[in-house]
């Protein structure tokens, strides 16, 4: 009976870990939905930023949450310059982002 109980608990824990892992979102492009259908625009000024190995996380003044500028973006340097200018001057900018992953796609 004791072995059956231990086996049942281990089986349930293992099944739960696979279920949780399958629902965890990845930080990559969603290939089956067109980018235009996923993108949204926000207008705000940059409050602060934080760099990591893969890019820069930006936080905005009025908008809650964070948005990510990936280094693999072909326009990385130009977009970073615009975002950093907004951080410095507190000027409002228009940011197009991927609504699924919250990756920054364009800055105007």
N, C-alpha and C. Protein backbone atom coordinates (compact mmCIF):
# COMPACT_ATOMS: atom_id res chain seq x y z
N UNK A 1 0.82 -1.19 0.00
CA UNK A 1 0.00 0.00 0.00
C UNK A 1 0.87 1.26 0.00
N UNK A 2 1.95 1.20 0.81
CA UNK A 2 2.84 2.35 0.90
C UNK A 2 3.51 2.60 -0.46
N UNK A 3 3.94 1.54 -1.13
CA UNK A 3 4.57 1.67 -2.44
C UNK A 3 3.59 2.24 -3.47
N UNK A 4 2.34 1.79 -3.40
CA UNK A 4 1.32 2.29 -4.32
C UNK A 4 1.11 3.79 -4.11
N UNK A 5 1.07 4.25 -2.87
CA UNK A 5 0.88 5.66 -2.57
C UNK A 5 2.06 6.49 -3.08
N UNK A 6 3.28 6.03 -2.86
CA UNK A 6 4.47 6.73 -3.35
C UNK A 6 4.46 6.77 -4.88
N UNK A 7 4.14 5.66 -5.51
CA UNK A 7 4.08 5.60 -6.97
C UNK A 7 3.02 6.56 -7.51
N UNK A 8 1.86 6.64 -6.87
CA UNK A 8 0.79 7.54 -7.31
C UNK A 8 1.21 9.00 -7.19
N UNK A 9 1.86 9.35 -6.11
CA UNK A 9 2.30 10.72 -5.90
C UNK A 9 3.36 11.09 -6.94
N UNK A 10 4.31 10.23 -7.18
CA UNK A 10 5.35 10.50 -8.17
C UNK A 10 4.77 10.61 -9.58
N UNK A 11 3.83 9.76 -9.91
CA UNK A 11 3.19 9.81 -11.23
C UNK A 11 2.42 11.12 -11.40
N UNK A 12 1.69 11.53 -10.40
CA UNK A 12 0.93 12.79 -10.46
C UNK A 12 1.88 13.98 -10.59
N UNK A 13 2.96 13.98 -9.83
CA UNK A 13 3.93 15.09 -9.90
C UNK A 13 4.58 15.15 -11.27
N UNK A 14 4.92 14.01 -11.83
CA UNK A 14 5.53 13.97 -13.15
C UNK A 14 4.55 14.44 -14.22
N UNK A 15 3.32 14.02 -14.15
CA UNK A 15 2.30 14.45 -15.12
C UNK A 15 2.06 15.95 -15.00
N UNK A 16 2.03 16.48 -13.80
CA UNK A 16 1.82 17.92 -13.61
C UNK A 16 2.98 18.72 -14.18
N UNK A 17 4.21 18.25 -14.01
CA UNK A 17 5.36 19.00 -14.52
C UNK A 17 5.34 19.07 -16.04
N UNK A 18 4.91 18.02 -16.73
CA UNK A 18 4.82 18.06 -18.18
C UNK A 18 3.70 19.01 -18.63
N UNK A 19 2.61 19.04 -17.91
CA UNK A 19 1.50 19.94 -18.23
C UNK A 19 1.92 21.39 -18.09
N UNK A 20 2.60 21.73 -17.01
CA UNK A 20 3.05 23.10 -16.79
C UNK A 20 4.08 23.50 -17.83
N UNK A 21 5.00 22.60 -18.15
CA UNK A 21 6.04 22.90 -19.13
C UNK A 21 5.44 23.13 -20.51
N UNK A 22 4.43 22.41 -20.88
CA UNK A 22 3.81 22.56 -22.19
C UNK A 22 3.10 23.90 -22.33
N UNK A 23 2.62 24.48 -21.24
CA UNK A 23 1.90 25.74 -21.29
C UNK A 23 2.81 26.96 -21.15
N UNK A 24 4.08 26.76 -20.84
CA UNK A 24 5.01 27.88 -20.66
C UNK A 24 5.32 28.49 -22.01
N UNK A 25 5.11 29.83 -22.18
CA UNK A 25 5.37 30.45 -23.48
C UNK A 25 6.87 30.57 -23.75
N UNK A 26 7.24 30.48 -25.00
CA UNK A 26 8.64 30.65 -25.38
C UNK A 26 8.87 32.10 -25.75
N UNK A 27 10.13 32.56 -25.70
CA UNK A 27 10.47 33.93 -26.06
C UNK A 27 10.98 33.96 -27.49
N UNK A 28 10.18 33.46 -28.41
CA UNK A 28 10.56 33.48 -29.81
C UNK A 28 9.40 33.94 -30.65
N UNK A 29 9.63 34.10 -31.95
CA UNK A 29 8.54 34.57 -32.80
C UNK A 29 7.45 33.52 -32.96
N UNK A 30 6.23 33.95 -32.98
CA UNK A 30 5.11 33.04 -33.24
C UNK A 30 5.00 32.88 -34.75
N UNK A 31 5.26 31.70 -35.23
CA UNK A 31 5.39 31.51 -36.68
C UNK A 31 4.06 31.36 -37.40
N UNK A 32 3.00 30.93 -36.68
CA UNK A 32 1.75 30.67 -37.39
C UNK A 32 0.80 31.86 -37.45
N UNK A 33 1.15 33.00 -36.83
CA UNK A 33 0.31 34.18 -36.89
C UNK A 33 1.11 35.31 -37.54
N UNK A 34 0.58 35.96 -38.55
CA UNK A 34 1.31 37.05 -39.20
C UNK A 34 1.64 38.18 -38.22
N UNK A 35 2.81 38.80 -38.40
CA UNK A 35 3.27 39.84 -37.50
C UNK A 35 2.27 41.00 -37.45
N UNK A 36 1.69 41.39 -38.58
CA UNK A 36 0.74 42.50 -38.62
C UNK A 36 -0.46 42.22 -37.72
N UNK A 37 -0.88 40.97 -37.62
CA UNK A 37 -2.04 40.63 -36.80
C UNK A 37 -1.69 40.65 -35.31
N UNK A 38 -0.40 40.54 -34.98
CA UNK A 38 0.03 40.50 -33.60
C UNK A 38 0.45 41.86 -33.05
N UNK A 39 0.73 42.83 -33.89
CA UNK A 39 1.34 44.06 -33.42
C UNK A 39 0.32 45.08 -32.92
N UNK A 40 0.75 45.85 -31.92
CA UNK A 40 -0.04 46.94 -31.35
C UNK A 40 0.87 48.14 -31.19
N UNK A 41 0.27 49.31 -30.97
CA UNK A 41 1.05 50.54 -30.82
C UNK A 41 0.74 51.18 -29.48
N UNK A 42 1.79 51.68 -28.81
CA UNK A 42 1.61 52.45 -27.59
C UNK A 42 2.29 53.80 -27.76
N UNK A 43 1.77 54.81 -27.07
CA UNK A 43 2.37 56.15 -27.09
C UNK A 43 2.67 56.52 -25.65
N UNK A 44 3.97 56.70 -25.36
CA UNK A 44 4.40 56.99 -24.00
C UNK A 44 5.87 57.42 -24.04
N UNK A 45 6.38 57.83 -22.89
CA UNK A 45 7.81 58.14 -22.79
C UNK A 45 8.48 57.05 -21.96
N UNK A 46 9.75 56.84 -22.20
CA UNK A 46 10.50 55.79 -21.51
C UNK A 46 10.84 56.26 -20.10
N UNK A 47 10.55 55.40 -19.10
CA UNK A 47 10.84 55.72 -17.71
C UNK A 47 12.21 55.20 -17.31
N UNK A 48 12.53 53.95 -17.69
CA UNK A 48 13.84 53.37 -17.39
C UNK A 48 14.09 52.19 -18.31
N UNK A 49 15.35 51.75 -18.32
CA UNK A 49 15.72 50.60 -19.14
C UNK A 49 16.71 49.74 -18.36
N UNK A 50 16.78 48.47 -18.79
CA UNK A 50 17.69 47.51 -18.15
C UNK A 50 18.21 46.57 -19.23
N UNK A 51 19.54 46.45 -19.33
CA UNK A 51 20.14 45.58 -20.34
C UNK A 51 20.35 44.18 -19.81
N UNK A 52 20.27 43.21 -20.72
CA UNK A 52 20.68 41.84 -20.43
C UNK A 52 21.42 41.30 -21.64
N UNK A 53 21.74 40.03 -21.66
CA UNK A 53 22.55 39.46 -22.74
C UNK A 53 21.85 39.49 -24.10
N UNK A 54 20.53 39.36 -24.12
CA UNK A 54 19.80 39.26 -25.38
C UNK A 54 19.20 40.57 -25.87
N UNK A 55 19.23 41.63 -25.05
CA UNK A 55 18.64 42.88 -25.47
C UNK A 55 18.46 43.85 -24.32
N UNK A 56 17.45 44.70 -24.45
CA UNK A 56 17.17 45.72 -23.45
C UNK A 56 15.69 45.71 -23.09
N UNK A 57 15.40 45.75 -21.81
CA UNK A 57 14.02 45.83 -21.32
C UNK A 57 13.72 47.30 -21.08
N UNK A 58 12.60 47.78 -21.63
CA UNK A 58 12.19 49.17 -21.45
C UNK A 58 10.90 49.23 -20.65
N UNK A 59 10.85 50.19 -19.72
CA UNK A 59 9.67 50.46 -18.91
C UNK A 59 9.18 51.86 -19.28
N UNK A 60 7.87 52.02 -19.38
CA UNK A 60 7.30 53.29 -19.81
C UNK A 60 6.60 53.99 -18.66
N UNK A 61 6.38 55.28 -18.82
CA UNK A 61 5.83 56.11 -17.76
C UNK A 61 4.37 55.77 -17.42
N UNK A 62 3.49 55.73 -18.41
CA UNK A 62 2.07 55.51 -18.17
C UNK A 62 1.64 54.05 -18.32
N UNK A 63 2.36 53.31 -19.13
CA UNK A 63 2.01 51.92 -19.45
C UNK A 63 2.67 51.00 -18.43
N UNK A 64 1.89 50.10 -17.84
CA UNK A 64 2.45 49.12 -16.91
C UNK A 64 3.10 47.99 -17.70
N UNK A 65 4.05 47.35 -17.11
CA UNK A 65 4.73 46.23 -17.74
C UNK A 65 6.00 46.67 -18.44
N UNK A 66 6.66 45.72 -19.07
CA UNK A 66 7.92 45.99 -19.75
C UNK A 66 7.85 45.47 -21.18
N UNK A 67 8.66 46.07 -22.02
CA UNK A 67 8.72 45.72 -23.44
C UNK A 67 10.17 45.48 -23.78
N UNK A 68 10.43 44.54 -24.69
CA UNK A 68 11.78 44.03 -24.93
C UNK A 68 12.28 44.38 -26.33
N UNK A 69 13.47 44.97 -26.39
CA UNK A 69 14.14 45.21 -27.66
C UNK A 69 15.25 44.19 -27.78
N UNK A 70 15.07 43.25 -28.71
CA UNK A 70 16.05 42.18 -28.88
C UNK A 70 17.22 42.63 -29.75
N UNK A 71 18.41 42.16 -29.41
CA UNK A 71 19.61 42.48 -30.18
C UNK A 71 19.56 41.90 -31.59
N UNK A 72 18.78 40.85 -31.81
CA UNK A 72 18.69 40.24 -33.14
C UNK A 72 17.84 41.07 -34.09
N UNK A 73 17.15 42.08 -33.59
CA UNK A 73 16.36 42.97 -34.45
C UNK A 73 17.33 43.71 -35.37
N UNK A 74 17.08 43.69 -36.67
CA UNK A 74 17.99 44.30 -37.64
C UNK A 74 18.11 45.81 -37.45
N UNK A 75 17.11 46.43 -36.82
CA UNK A 75 17.13 47.87 -36.57
C UNK A 75 17.50 48.19 -35.13
N UNK A 76 18.18 47.28 -34.45
CA UNK A 76 18.44 47.41 -33.02
C UNK A 76 19.07 48.76 -32.66
N UNK A 77 20.15 49.16 -33.33
CA UNK A 77 20.86 50.40 -32.98
C UNK A 77 19.98 51.63 -33.17
N UNK A 78 19.25 51.70 -34.27
CA UNK A 78 18.38 52.85 -34.53
C UNK A 78 17.24 52.92 -33.53
N UNK A 79 16.62 51.78 -33.23
CA UNK A 79 15.51 51.76 -32.26
C UNK A 79 16.00 52.10 -30.87
N UNK A 80 17.16 51.57 -30.50
CA UNK A 80 17.75 51.86 -29.18
C UNK A 80 18.02 53.36 -29.04
N UNK A 81 18.54 53.98 -30.10
CA UNK A 81 18.83 55.42 -30.05
C UNK A 81 17.56 56.23 -29.81
N UNK A 82 16.46 55.88 -30.48
CA UNK A 82 15.19 56.59 -30.30
C UNK A 82 14.63 56.39 -28.90
N UNK A 83 14.71 55.17 -28.39
CA UNK A 83 14.21 54.88 -27.05
C UNK A 83 15.05 55.58 -25.99
N UNK A 84 16.37 55.57 -26.16
CA UNK A 84 17.26 56.24 -25.20
C UNK A 84 17.06 57.75 -25.23
N UNK A 85 16.76 58.31 -26.39
CA UNK A 85 16.48 59.74 -26.49
C UNK A 85 15.21 60.08 -25.72
N UNK A 86 14.20 59.23 -25.81
CA UNK A 86 12.96 59.44 -25.06
C UNK A 86 13.23 59.35 -23.55
N UNK A 87 14.10 58.44 -23.16
CA UNK A 87 14.47 58.31 -21.75
C UNK A 87 15.14 59.59 -21.26
N UNK A 88 16.01 60.13 -22.07
CA UNK A 88 16.76 61.33 -21.70
C UNK A 88 15.89 62.59 -21.68
N UNK A 89 15.05 62.75 -22.68
CA UNK A 89 14.26 63.99 -22.81
C UNK A 89 12.84 63.87 -22.27
N UNK A 90 12.42 62.64 -21.94
CA UNK A 90 11.03 62.37 -21.49
C UNK A 90 10.00 62.68 -22.57
N UNK A 91 10.43 62.68 -23.83
CA UNK A 91 9.53 62.94 -24.96
C UNK A 91 8.68 61.70 -25.24
N UNK A 92 7.43 61.91 -25.60
CA UNK A 92 6.53 60.81 -25.93
C UNK A 92 6.88 60.26 -27.31
N UNK A 93 6.91 58.95 -27.42
CA UNK A 93 7.19 58.28 -28.69
C UNK A 93 6.11 57.25 -28.97
N UNK A 94 6.05 56.82 -30.20
CA UNK A 94 5.11 55.79 -30.62
C UNK A 94 5.90 54.49 -30.82
N UNK A 95 5.50 53.44 -30.11
CA UNK A 95 6.22 52.17 -30.14
C UNK A 95 5.28 51.08 -30.65
N UNK A 96 5.68 50.41 -31.73
CA UNK A 96 4.95 49.25 -32.23
C UNK A 96 5.58 48.01 -31.61
N UNK A 97 4.75 47.16 -31.04
CA UNK A 97 5.28 45.98 -30.36
C UNK A 97 4.44 44.75 -30.71
N UNK A 98 5.06 43.60 -30.54
CA UNK A 98 4.42 42.31 -30.75
C UNK A 98 3.54 42.04 -29.54
N UNK A 99 2.23 41.96 -29.74
CA UNK A 99 1.30 41.81 -28.61
C UNK A 99 1.38 40.46 -27.92
N UNK A 100 2.01 39.50 -28.54
CA UNK A 100 2.15 38.18 -27.92
C UNK A 100 3.38 38.14 -27.01
N UNK A 101 4.53 38.53 -27.54
CA UNK A 101 5.78 38.44 -26.80
C UNK A 101 6.24 39.76 -26.20
N UNK A 102 5.58 40.89 -26.56
CA UNK A 102 5.93 42.22 -26.11
C UNK A 102 7.33 42.65 -26.56
N UNK A 103 7.73 42.19 -27.74
CA UNK A 103 8.99 42.60 -28.35
C UNK A 103 8.77 43.90 -29.11
N UNK A 104 9.68 44.85 -28.97
CA UNK A 104 9.58 46.12 -29.69
C UNK A 104 9.96 45.88 -31.14
N UNK A 105 9.08 46.33 -32.05
CA UNK A 105 9.29 46.13 -33.49
C UNK A 105 9.69 47.43 -34.22
N UNK A 106 9.11 48.57 -33.78
CA UNK A 106 9.35 49.85 -34.46
C UNK A 106 9.15 50.97 -33.47
N UNK A 107 9.90 52.07 -33.66
CA UNK A 107 9.79 53.26 -32.80
C UNK A 107 9.72 54.48 -33.70
N UNK A 108 8.76 55.37 -33.46
CA UNK A 108 8.62 56.62 -34.22
C UNK A 108 8.52 57.78 -33.26
